[in-house]
Amino acid sequence: MVEIVWSRRALDDRKRIFSYWNERNKSPLFSNKLNFLFKQTLSLLTKYPHLGKQTNFEQVRMKFVRNYCLFYKLTNEHLVVLSIWDSYRNPENINL
C-alpha cells in the first residue's frame, strides 16, 4: 500500500482553506466535511493512484475534490500531496 505524505505547502494550503471556511461560516462544520472528503479521496488514490488526471507538470496528477484541485505526485512508496488549489483561482498562478 502507498503511504500518503503531505508537503509543507499542501499543509499550509489546507490550513488556509479551513481557516477561511471557519471564519466565513462561523463554524468548523464545513471544514470538517471538506477534510473528510480530502481523506476519502486520498484513500481512494492510494488504491488507484493513476485515477487523477495527468497535468502539464511532469509526474504530477490532479484530482478534483469539490471545488479544489488536489495535486499529487507518485513515487515508489509514497503519494506526495503537493498542493490544494481553489479551482476559482487563476490557473496561470499555479507554481508546483
PDB file of N, CA and C in Angstrom:
ATOM      1  N   MET A   1       0.834  -1.181   0.000  1.00  0.00           N
ATOM      2  CA  MET A   1       0.000   0.000   0.000  1.00  0.00           C
ATOM      3  C   MET A   1       0.880   1.246   0.000  1.00  0.00           C
ATOM      4  N   VAL A   2       0.422   2.279  -0.644  1.00  0.00           N
ATOM      5  CA  VAL A   2       1.152   3.529  -0.787  1.00  0.00           C
ATOM      6  C   VAL A   2       0.891   4.407   0.436  1.00  0.00           C
ATOM      7  N   GLU A   3       1.948   5.030   0.951  1.00  0.00           N
ATOM      8  CA  GLU A   3       1.828   5.922   2.099  1.00  0.00           C
ATOM      9  C   GLU A   3       1.589   7.363   1.616  1.00  0.00           C
ATOM     10  N   ILE A   4       0.718   8.093   2.310  1.00  0.00           N
ATOM     11  CA  ILE A   4       0.422   9.480   1.974  1.00  0.00           C
ATOM     12  C   ILE A   4       1.378  10.393   2.737  1.00  0.00           C
ATOM     13  N   VAL A   5       2.020  11.303   2.001  1.00  0.00           N
ATOM     14  CA  VAL A   5       2.920  12.283   2.596  1.00  0.00           C
ATOM     15  C   VAL A   5       2.457  13.666   2.151  1.00  0.00           C
ATOM     16  N   TRP A   6       2.274  14.563   3.117  1.00  0.00           N
ATOM     17  CA  TRP A   6       1.849  15.935   2.822  1.00  0.00           C
ATOM     18  C   TRP A   6       3.074  16.835   2.752  1.00  0.00           C
ATOM     19  N   SER A   7       3.179  17.618   1.687  1.00  0.00           N
ATOM     20  CA  SER A   7       4.245  18.613   1.610  1.00  0.00           C
ATOM     21  C   SER A   7       3.895  19.773   2.540  1.00  0.00           C
ATOM     22  N   ARG A   8       4.879  20.564   2.888  1.00  0.00           N
ATOM     23  CA  ARG A   8       4.646  21.733   3.745  1.00  0.00           C
ATOM     24  C   ARG A   8       3.633  22.666   3.083  1.00  0.00           C
ATOM     25  N   ARG A   9       3.780  22.859   1.780  1.00  0.00           N
ATOM     26  CA  ARG A   9       2.868  23.746   1.049  1.00  0.00           C
ATOM     27  C   ARG A   9       1.430  23.237   1.112  1.00  0.00           C
ATOM     28  N   ALA A  10       1.237  21.939   0.905  1.00  0.00           N
ATOM     29  CA  ALA A  10      -0.110  21.368   0.945  1.00  0.00           C
ATOM     30  C   ALA A  10      -0.729  21.518   2.331  1.00  0.00           C
ATOM     31  N   LEU A  11       0.083  21.326   3.372  1.00  0.00           N
ATOM     32  CA  LEU A  11      -0.424  21.513   4.734  1.00  0.00           C
ATOM     33  C   LEU A  11      -0.832  22.963   4.964  1.00  0.00           C
ATOM     34  N   ASP A  12      -0.022  23.901   4.463  1.00  0.00           N
ATOM     35  CA  ASP A  12      -0.360  25.321   4.586  1.00  0.00           C
ATOM     36  C   ASP A  12      -1.627  25.663   3.793  1.00  0.00           C
ATOM     37  N   ASP A  13      -1.745  25.094   2.591  1.00  0.00           N
ATOM     38  CA  ASP A  13      -2.945  25.316   1.777  1.00  0.00           C
ATOM     39  C   ASP A  13      -4.187  24.832   2.515  1.00  0.00           C
ATOM     40  N   ARG A  14      -4.093  23.636   3.056  1.00  0.00           N
ATOM     41  CA  ARG A  14      -5.236  23.054   3.774  1.00  0.00           C
ATOM     42  C   ARG A  14      -5.614  23.904   4.980  1.00  0.00           C
ATOM     43  N   LYS A  15      -4.606  24.364   5.694  1.00  0.00           N
ATOM     44  CA  LYS A  15      -4.852  25.202   6.868  1.00  0.00           C
ATOM     45  C   LYS A  15      -5.536  26.515   6.475  1.00  0.00           C
ATOM     46  N   ARG A  16      -5.072  27.138   5.391  1.00  0.00           N
ATOM     47  CA  ARG A  16      -5.685  28.390   4.924  1.00  0.00           C
ATOM     48  C   ARG A  16      -7.127  28.169   4.479  1.00  0.00           C
ATOM     49  N   ILE A  17      -7.373  27.078   3.790  1.00  0.00           N
ATOM     50  CA  ILE A  17      -8.729  26.773   3.318  1.00  0.00           C
ATOM     51  C   ILE A  17      -9.666  26.580   4.503  1.00  0.00           C
ATOM     52  N   PHE A  18      -9.231  25.795   5.469  1.00  0.00           N
ATOM     53  CA  PHE A  18     -10.082  25.554   6.644  1.00  0.00           C
ATOM     54  C   PHE A  18     -10.297  26.832   7.446  1.00  0.00           C
ATOM     55  N   SER A  19      -9.276  27.640   7.586  1.00  0.00           N
ATOM     56  CA  SER A  19      -9.412  28.909   8.312  1.00  0.00           C
ATOM     57  C   SER A  19     -10.414  29.825   7.617  1.00  0.00           C
ATOM     58  N   TYR A  20     -10.323  29.878   6.290  1.00  0.00           N
ATOM     59  CA  TYR A  20     -11.267  30.696   5.525  1.00  0.00           C
ATOM     60  C   TYR A  20     -12.702  30.262   5.785  1.00  0.00           C
ATOM     61  N   TRP A  21     -12.972  28.960   5.662  1.00  0.00           N
ATOM     62  CA  TRP A  21     -14.341  28.479   5.825  1.00  0.00           C
ATOM     63  C   TRP A  21     -14.816  28.590   7.271  1.00  0.00           C
ATOM     64  N   ASN A  22     -13.927  28.379   8.216  1.00  0.00           N
ATOM     65  CA  ASN A  22     -14.306  28.536   9.622  1.00  0.00           C
ATOM     66  C   ASN A  22     -14.721  29.974   9.914  1.00  0.00           C
ATOM     67  N   GLU A  23     -13.955  30.918   9.375  1.00  0.00           N
ATOM     68  CA  GLU A  23     -14.264  32.336   9.582  1.00  0.00           C
ATOM     69  C   GLU A  23     -15.538  32.733   8.829  1.00  0.00           C
ATOM     70  N   ARG A  24     -15.639  32.292   7.601  1.00  0.00           N
ATOM     71  CA  ARG A  24     -16.792  32.675   6.765  1.00  0.00           C
ATOM     72  C   ARG A  24     -18.100  32.129   7.335  1.00  0.00           C
ATOM     73  N   ASN A  25     -18.079  30.875   7.757  1.00  0.00           N
ATOM     74  CA  ASN A  25     -19.297  30.222   8.234  1.00  0.00           C
ATOM     75  C   ASN A  25     -19.485  30.324   9.745  1.00  0.00           C
ATOM     76  N   LYS A  26     -18.471  30.831  10.429  1.00  0.00           N
ATOM     77  CA  LYS A  26     -18.506  30.924  11.900  1.00  0.00           C
ATOM     78  C   LYS A  26     -18.719  29.557  12.541  1.00  0.00           C
ATOM     79  N   SER A  27     -18.223  28.539  11.859  1.00  0.00           N
ATOM     80  CA  SER A  27     -18.369  27.161  12.336  1.00  0.00           C
ATOM     81  C   SER A  27     -17.369  26.270  11.605  1.00  0.00           C
ATOM     82  N   PRO A  28     -16.840  25.246  12.268  1.00  0.00           N
ATOM     83  CA  PRO A  28     -15.925  24.316  11.600  1.00  0.00           C
ATOM     84  C   PRO A  28     -16.641  23.181  10.861  1.00  0.00           C
ATOM     85  N   LEU A  29     -17.944  23.197  10.828  1.00  0.00           N
ATOM     86  CA  LEU A  29     -18.700  22.087  10.244  1.00  0.00           C
ATOM     87  C   LEU A  29     -18.318  21.815   8.790  1.00  0.00           C
ATOM     88  N   PHE A  30     -18.304  22.858   7.953  1.00  0.00           N
ATOM     89  CA  PHE A  30     -17.965  22.651   6.546  1.00  0.00           C
ATOM     90  C   PHE A  30     -16.513  22.204   6.401  1.00  0.00           C
ATOM     91  N   SER A  31     -15.609  22.796   7.181  1.00  0.00           N
ATOM     92  CA  SER A  31     -14.197  22.401   7.124  1.00  0.00           C
ATOM     93  C   SER A  31     -14.027  20.929   7.473  1.00  0.00           C
ATOM     94  N   ASN A  32     -14.764  20.466   8.452  1.00  0.00           N
ATOM     95  CA  ASN A  32     -14.693  19.050   8.830  1.00  0.00           C
ATOM     96  C   ASN A  32     -15.179  18.156   7.694  1.00  0.00           C
ATOM     97  N   LYS A  33     -16.252  18.567   7.036  1.00  0.00           N
ATOM     98  CA  LYS A  33     -16.758  17.787   5.893  1.00  0.00           C
ATOM     99  C   LYS A  33     -15.752  17.783   4.748  1.00  0.00           C
ATOM    100  N   LEU A  34     -15.154  18.943   4.494  1.00  0.00           N
ATOM    101  CA  LEU A  34     -14.163  19.047   3.435  1.00  0.00           C
ATOM    102  C   LEU A  34     -12.930  18.199   3.751  1.00  0.00           C
ATOM    103  N   ASN A  35     -12.497  18.220   4.998  1.00  0.00           N
ATOM    104  CA  ASN A  35     -11.368  17.400   5.418  1.00  0.00           C
ATOM    105  C   ASN A  35     -11.680  15.915   5.226  1.00  0.00           C
ATOM    106  N   PHE A  36     -12.896  15.513   5.542  1.00  0.00           N
ATOM    107  CA  PHE A  36     -13.317  14.128   5.329  1.00  0.00           C
ATOM    108  C   PHE A  36     -13.234  13.771   3.845  1.00  0.00           C
ATOM    109  N   LEU A  37     -13.670  14.688   2.968  1.00  0.00           N
ATOM    110  CA  LEU A  37     -13.605  14.437   1.523  1.00  0.00           C
ATOM    111  C   LEU A  37     -12.162  14.329   1.039  1.00  0.00           C
ATOM    112  N   PHE A  38     -11.273  15.180   1.579  1.00  0.00           N
ATOM    113  CA  PHE A  38      -9.854  15.078   1.221  1.00  0.00           C
ATOM    114  C   PHE A  38      -9.303  13.705   1.624  1.00  0.00           C
ATOM    115  N   LYS A  39      -9.593  13.282   2.839  1.00  0.00           N
ATOM    116  CA  LYS A  39      -9.107  11.986   3.331  1.00  0.00           C
ATOM    117  C   LYS A  39      -9.678  10.830   2.510  1.00  0.00           C
ATOM    118  N   GLN A  40     -10.961  10.917   2.198  1.00  0.00           N
ATOM    119  CA  GLN A  40     -11.628   9.871   1.411  1.00  0.00           C
ATOM    120  C   GLN A  40     -11.001   9.774   0.020  1.00  0.00           C
ATOM    121  N   THR A  41     -10.748  10.910  -0.599  1.00  0.00           N
ATOM    122  CA  THR A  41     -10.142  10.935  -1.932  1.00  0.00           C
ATOM    123  C   THR A  41      -8.729  10.381  -1.891  1.00  0.00           C
ATOM    124  N   LEU A  42      -7.951  10.771  -0.889  1.00  0.00           N
ATOM    125  CA  LEU A  42      -6.582  10.268  -0.776  1.00  0.00           C
ATOM    126  C   LEU A  42      -6.550   8.764  -0.515  1.00  0.00           C
ATOM    127  N   SER A  43      -7.506   8.289   0.247  1.00  0.00           N
ATOM    128  CA  SER A  43      -7.603   6.851   0.485  1.00  0.00           C
ATOM    129  C   SER A  43      -7.864   6.118  -0.835  1.00  0.00           C
ATOM    130  N   LEU A  44      -8.736   6.665  -1.641  1.00  0.00           N
ATOM    131  CA  LEU A  44      -9.029   6.080  -2.955  1.00  0.00           C
ATOM    132  C   LEU A  44      -7.784   6.128  -3.848  1.00  0.00           C
ATOM    133  N   LEU A  45      -7.058   7.242  -3.784  1.00  0.00           N
ATOM    134  CA  LEU A  45      -5.857   7.383  -4.618  1.00  0.00           C
ATOM    135  C   LEU A  45      -4.741   6.436  -4.196  1.00  0.00           C
ATOM    136  N   THR A  46      -4.705   6.035  -2.937  1.00  0.00           N
ATOM    137  CA  THR A  46      -3.685   5.064  -2.525  1.00  0.00           C
ATOM    138  C   THR A  46      -3.949   3.712  -3.171  1.00  0.00           C
ATOM    139  N   LYS A  47      -5.213   3.414  -3.431  1.00  0.00           N
ATOM    140  CA  LYS A  47      -5.562   2.146  -4.082  1.00  0.00           C
ATOM    141  C   LYS A  47      -5.456   2.246  -5.599  1.00  0.00           C
ATOM    142  N   TYR A  48      -5.836   3.408  -6.133  1.00  0.00           N
ATOM    143  CA  TYR A  48      -5.835   3.641  -7.581  1.00  0.00           C
ATOM    144  C   TYR A  48      -5.097   4.953  -7.872  1.00  0.00           C
ATOM    145  N   PRO A  49      -3.768   4.954  -7.753  1.00  0.00           N
ATOM    146  CA  PRO A  49      -3.014   6.203  -7.849  1.00  0.00           C
ATOM    147  C   PRO A  49      -3.080   6.904  -9.205  1.00  0.00           C
ATOM    148  N   HIS A  50      -3.407   6.194 -10.255  1.00  0.00           N
ATOM    149  CA  HIS A  50      -3.477   6.807 -11.582  1.00  0.00           C
ATOM    150  C   HIS A  50      -4.889   7.304 -11.907  1.00  0.00           C
ATOM    151  N   LEU A  51      -5.739   7.342 -10.908  1.00  0.00           N
ATOM    152  CA  LEU A  51      -7.106   7.809 -11.093  1.00  0.00           C
ATOM    153  C   LEU A  51      -7.153   9.294 -11.441  1.00  0.00           C
ATOM    154  N   GLY A  52      -6.235  10.064 -10.875  1.00  0.00           N
ATOM    155  CA  GLY A  52      -6.190  11.500 -11.148  1.00  0.00           C
ATOM    156  C   GLY A  52      -5.726  11.784 -12.563  1.00  0.00           C
ATOM    157  N   LYS A  53      -6.063  12.972 -13.032  1.00  0.00           N
ATOM    158  CA  LYS A  53      -5.721  13.383 -14.389  1.00  0.00           C
ATOM    159  C   LYS A  53      -4.269  13.852 -14.450  1.00  0.00           C
ATOM    160  N   GLN A  54      -3.561  13.444 -15.494  1.00  0.00           N
ATOM    161  CA  GLN A  54      -2.184  13.889 -15.704  1.00  0.00           C
ATOM    162  C   GLN A  54      -2.194  15.389 -15.994  1.00  0.00           C
ATOM    163  N   THR A  55      -1.229  16.113 -15.433  1.00  0.00           N
ATOM    164  CA  THR A  55      -1.129  17.553 -15.661  1.00  0.00           C
ATOM    165  C   THR A  55       0.007  17.852 -16.625  1.00  0.00           C
ATOM    166  N   ASN A  56       0.211  19.132 -16.903  1.00  0.00           N
ATOM    167  CA  ASN A  56       1.328  19.552 -17.749  1.00  0.00           C
ATOM    168  C   ASN A  56       2.661  19.467 -17.016  1.00  0.00           C
ATOM    169  N   PHE A  57       2.604  19.294 -15.712  1.00  0.00           N
ATOM    170  CA  PHE A  57       3.813  19.158 -14.904  1.00  0.00           C
ATOM    171  C   PHE A  57       4.212  17.677 -14.865  1.00  0.00           C
ATOM    172  N   GLU A  58       5.481  17.424 -15.078  1.00  0.00           N
ATOM    173  CA  GLU A  58       5.968  16.052 -15.134  1.00  0.00           C
ATOM    174  C   GLU A  58       5.711  15.304 -13.828  1.00  0.00           C
ATOM    175  N   GLN A  59       5.140  14.127 -13.924  1.00  0.00           N
ATOM    176  CA  GLN A  59       4.838  13.213 -12.817  1.00  0.00           C
ATOM    177  C   GLN A  59       3.806  13.748 -11.830  1.00  0.00           C
ATOM    178  N   VAL A  60       3.126  14.825 -12.158  1.00  0.00           N
ATOM    179  CA  VAL A  60       2.126  15.408 -11.252  1.00  0.00           C
ATOM    180  C   VAL A  60       0.743  15.122 -11.799  1.00  0.00           C
ATOM    181  N   ARG A  61      -0.123  14.635 -10.909  1.00  0.00           N
ATOM    182  CA  ARG A  61      -1.504  14.337 -11.272  1.00  0.00           C
ATOM    183  C   ARG A  61      -2.428  15.207 -10.433  1.00  0.00           C
ATOM    184  N   MET A  62      -3.692  15.303 -10.864  1.00  0.00           N
ATOM    185  CA  MET A  62      -4.641  16.155 -10.197  1.00  0.00           C
ATOM    186  C   MET A  62      -5.984  15.441 -10.046  1.00  0.00           C
ATOM    187  N   LYS A  63      -6.584  15.624  -8.895  1.00  0.00           N
ATOM    188  CA  LYS A  63      -7.902  15.048  -8.633  1.00  0.00           C
ATOM    189  C   LYS A  63      -8.766  16.142  -8.019  1.00  0.00           C
ATOM    190  N   PHE A  64      -9.975  16.331  -8.570  1.00  0.00           N
ATOM    191  CA  PHE A  64     -10.901  17.312  -8.020  1.00  0.00           C
ATOM    192  C   PHE A  64     -11.560  16.781  -6.755  1.00  0.00           C
ATOM    193  N   VAL A  65     -11.654  17.651  -5.760  1.00  0.00           N
ATOM    194  CA  VAL A  65     -12.405  17.396  -4.542  1.00  0.00           C
ATOM    195  C   VAL A  65     -13.275  18.637  -4.355  1.00  0.00           C
ATOM    196  N   ARG A  66     -14.541  18.504  -4.671  1.00  0.00           N
ATOM    197  CA  ARG A  66     -15.465  19.648  -4.716  1.00  0.00           C
ATOM    198  C   ARG A  66     -14.901  20.711  -5.644  1.00  0.00           C
ATOM    199  N   ASN A  67     -14.632  21.917  -5.137  1.00  0.00           N
ATOM    200  CA  ASN A  67     -14.088  22.991  -5.971  1.00  0.00           C
ATOM    201  C   ASN A  67     -12.578  23.128  -5.839  1.00  0.00           C
ATOM    202  N   TYR A  68     -11.936  22.110  -5.337  1.00  0.00           N
ATOM    203  CA  TYR A  68     -10.494  22.159  -5.111  1.00  0.00           C
ATOM    204  C   TYR A  68      -9.779  21.109  -5.956  1.00  0.00           C
ATOM    205  N   CYS A  69      -8.600  21.488  -6.430  1.00  0.00           N
ATOM    206  CA  CYS A  69      -7.743  20.569  -7.176  1.00  0.00           C
ATOM    207  C   CYS A  69      -6.672  20.071  -6.217  1.00  0.00           C
ATOM    208  N   LEU A  70      -6.614  18.794  -6.052  1.00  0.00           N
ATOM    209  CA  LEU A  70      -5.615  18.164  -5.201  1.00  0.00           C
ATOM    210  C   LEU A  70      -4.486  17.693  -6.120  1.00  0.00           C
ATOM    211  N   PHE A  71      -3.324  18.343  -6.025  1.00  0.00           N
ATOM    212  CA  PHE A  71      -2.177  17.977  -6.848  1.00  0.00           C
ATOM    213  C   PHE A  71      -1.293  17.022  -6.066  1.00  0.00           C
ATOM    214  N   TYR A  72      -0.892  15.948  -6.729  1.00  0.00           N
ATOM    215  CA  TYR A  72      -0.062  14.950  -6.063  1.00  0.00           C
ATOM    216  C   TYR A  72       0.922  14.332  -7.042  1.00  0.00           C
ATOM    217  N   LYS A  73       1.940  13.718  -6.479  1.00  0.00           N
ATOM    218  CA  LYS A  73       2.976  13.057  -7.269  1.00  0.00           C
ATOM    219  C   LYS A  73       3.172  11.664  -6.708  1.00  0.00           C
ATOM    220  N   LEU A  74       3.400  10.725  -7.571  1.00  0.00           N
ATOM    221  CA  LEU A  74       3.649   9.342  -7.160  1.00  0.00           C
ATOM    222  C   LEU A  74       5.134   9.059  -7.129  1.00  0.00           C
ATOM    223  N   THR A  75       5.569   8.406  -6.059  1.00  0.00           N
ATOM    224  CA  THR A  75       6.920   7.877  -6.006  1.00  0.00           C
ATOM    225  C   THR A  75       6.767   6.366  -5.797  1.00  0.00           C
ATOM    226  N   ASN A  76       7.854   5.670  -5.600  1.00  0.00           N
ATOM    227  CA  ASN A  76       7.772   4.216  -5.427  1.00  0.00           C
ATOM    228  C   ASN A  76       6.928   3.811  -4.230  1.00  0.00           C
ATOM    229  N   GLU A  77       7.051   4.537  -3.130  1.00  0.00           N
ATOM    230  CA  GLU A  77       6.353   4.131  -1.906  1.00  0.00           C
ATOM    231  C   GLU A  77       5.408   5.186  -1.361  1.00  0.00           C
ATOM    232  N   HIS A  78       5.354   6.359  -2.007  1.00  0.00           N
ATOM    233  CA  HIS A  78       4.586   7.453  -1.453  1.00  0.00           C
ATOM    234  C   HIS A  78       3.672   8.109  -2.486  1.00  0.00           C
ATOM    235  N   LEU A  79       2.596   8.635  -1.978  1.00  0.00           N
ATOM    236  CA  LEU A  79       1.753   9.543  -2.727  1.00  0.00           C
ATOM    237  C   LEU A  79       1.961  10.887  -2.022  1.00  0.00           C
ATOM    238  N   VAL A  80       2.646  11.799  -2.686  1.00  0.00           N
ATOM    239  CA  VAL A  80       3.010  13.075  -2.083  1.00  0.00           C
ATOM    240  C   VAL A  80       1.991  14.128  -2.501  1.00  0.00           C
ATOM    241  N   VAL A  81       1.273  14.671  -1.524  1.00  0.00           N
ATOM    242  CA  VAL A  81       0.316  15.743  -1.790  1.00  0.00           C
ATOM    243  C   VAL A  81       1.127  17.022  -1.911  1.00  0.00           C
ATOM    244  N   LEU A  82       1.092  17.647  -3.092  1.00  0.00           N
ATOM    245  CA  LEU A  82       1.908  18.821  -3.361  1.00  0.00           C
ATOM    246  C   LEU A  82       1.196  20.123  -3.021  1.00  0.00           C
ATOM    247  N   SER A  83      -0.087  20.194  -3.363  1.00  0.00           N
ATOM    248  CA  SER A  83      -0.817  21.439  -3.162  1.00  0.00           C
ATOM    249  C   SER A  83      -2.312  21.183  -3.275  1.00  0.00           C
ATOM    250  N   ILE A  84      -3.076  22.074  -2.664  1.00  0.00           N
ATOM    251  CA  ILE A  84      -4.531  22.084  -2.833  1.00  0.00           C
ATOM    252  C   ILE A  84      -4.866  23.443  -3.412  1.00  0.00           C
ATOM    253  N   TRP A  85      -5.478  23.453  -4.568  1.00  0.00           N
ATOM    254  CA  TRP A  85      -5.712  24.681  -5.313  1.00  0.00           C
ATOM    255  C   TRP A  85      -7.210  24.931  -5.461  1.00  0.00           C
ATOM    256  N   ASP A  86      -7.641  26.120  -5.101  1.00  0.00           N
ATOM    257  CA  ASP A  86      -9.032  26.518  -5.294  1.00  0.00           C
ATOM    258  C   ASP A  86      -9.249  26.700  -6.792  1.00  0.00           C
ATOM    259  N   SER A  87     -10.158  25.960  -7.377  1.00  0.00           N
ATOM    260  CA  SER A  87     -10.352  25.986  -8.828  1.00  0.00           C
ATOM    261  C   SER A  87     -10.900  27.311  -9.344  1.00  0.00           C
ATOM    262  N   TYR A  88     -11.322  28.202  -8.461  1.00  0.00           N
ATOM    263  CA  TYR A  88     -11.782  29.520  -8.884  1.00  0.00           C
ATOM    264  C   TYR A  88     -10.619  30.496  -9.076  1.00  0.00           C
ATOM    265  N   ARG A  89      -9.435  30.111  -8.637  1.00  0.00           N
ATOM    266  CA  ARG A  89      -8.266  30.979  -8.792  1.00  0.00           C
ATOM    267  C   ARG A  89      -7.690  30.830 -10.197  1.00  0.00           C
ATOM    268  N   ASN A  90      -6.881  31.785 -10.596  1.00  0.00           N
ATOM    269  CA  ASN A  90      -6.276  31.814 -11.911  1.00  0.00           C
ATOM    270  C   ASN A  90      -5.272  30.665 -12.046  1.00  0.00           C
ATOM    271  N   PRO A  91      -5.478  29.751 -12.991  1.00  0.00           N
ATOM    272  CA  PRO A  91      -4.576  28.603 -13.135  1.00  0.00           C
ATOM    273  C   PRO A  91      -3.162  28.983 -13.570  1.00  0.00           C
ATOM    274  N   GLU A  92      -2.984  30.187 -14.105  1.00  0.00           N
ATOM    275  CA  GLU A  92      -1.646  30.615 -14.519  1.00  0.00           C
ATOM    276  C   GLU A  92      -0.744  30.851 -13.304  1.00  0.00           C
ATOM    277  N   ASN A  93      -1.349  30.990 -12.119  1.00  0.00           N
ATOM    278  CA  ASN A  93      -0.569  31.255 -10.908  1.00  0.00           C
ATOM    279  C   ASN A  93      -0.136  29.984 -10.181  1.00  0.00           C
ATOM    280  N   ILE A  94      -0.454  28.831 -10.726  1.00  0.00           N
ATOM    281  CA  ILE A  94      -0.042  27.562 -10.089  1.00  0.00           C
ATOM    282  C   ILE A  94       1.458  27.423 -10.221  1.00  0.00           C
ATOM    283  N   ASN A  95       2.112  27.192  -9.114  1.00  0.00           N
ATOM    284  CA  ASN A  95       3.552  27.010  -9.102  1.00  0.00           C
ATOM    285  C   ASN A  95       3.860  25.758  -8.291  1.00  0.00           C
ATOM    286  N   LEU A  96       3.966  24.642  -8.978  1.00  0.00           N
ATOM    287  CA  LEU A  96       4.242  23.379  -8.276  1.00  0.00           C
ATOM    288  C   LEU A  96       5.710  23.175  -8.216  1.00  0.00           C
TER     289      LEU A  96
END
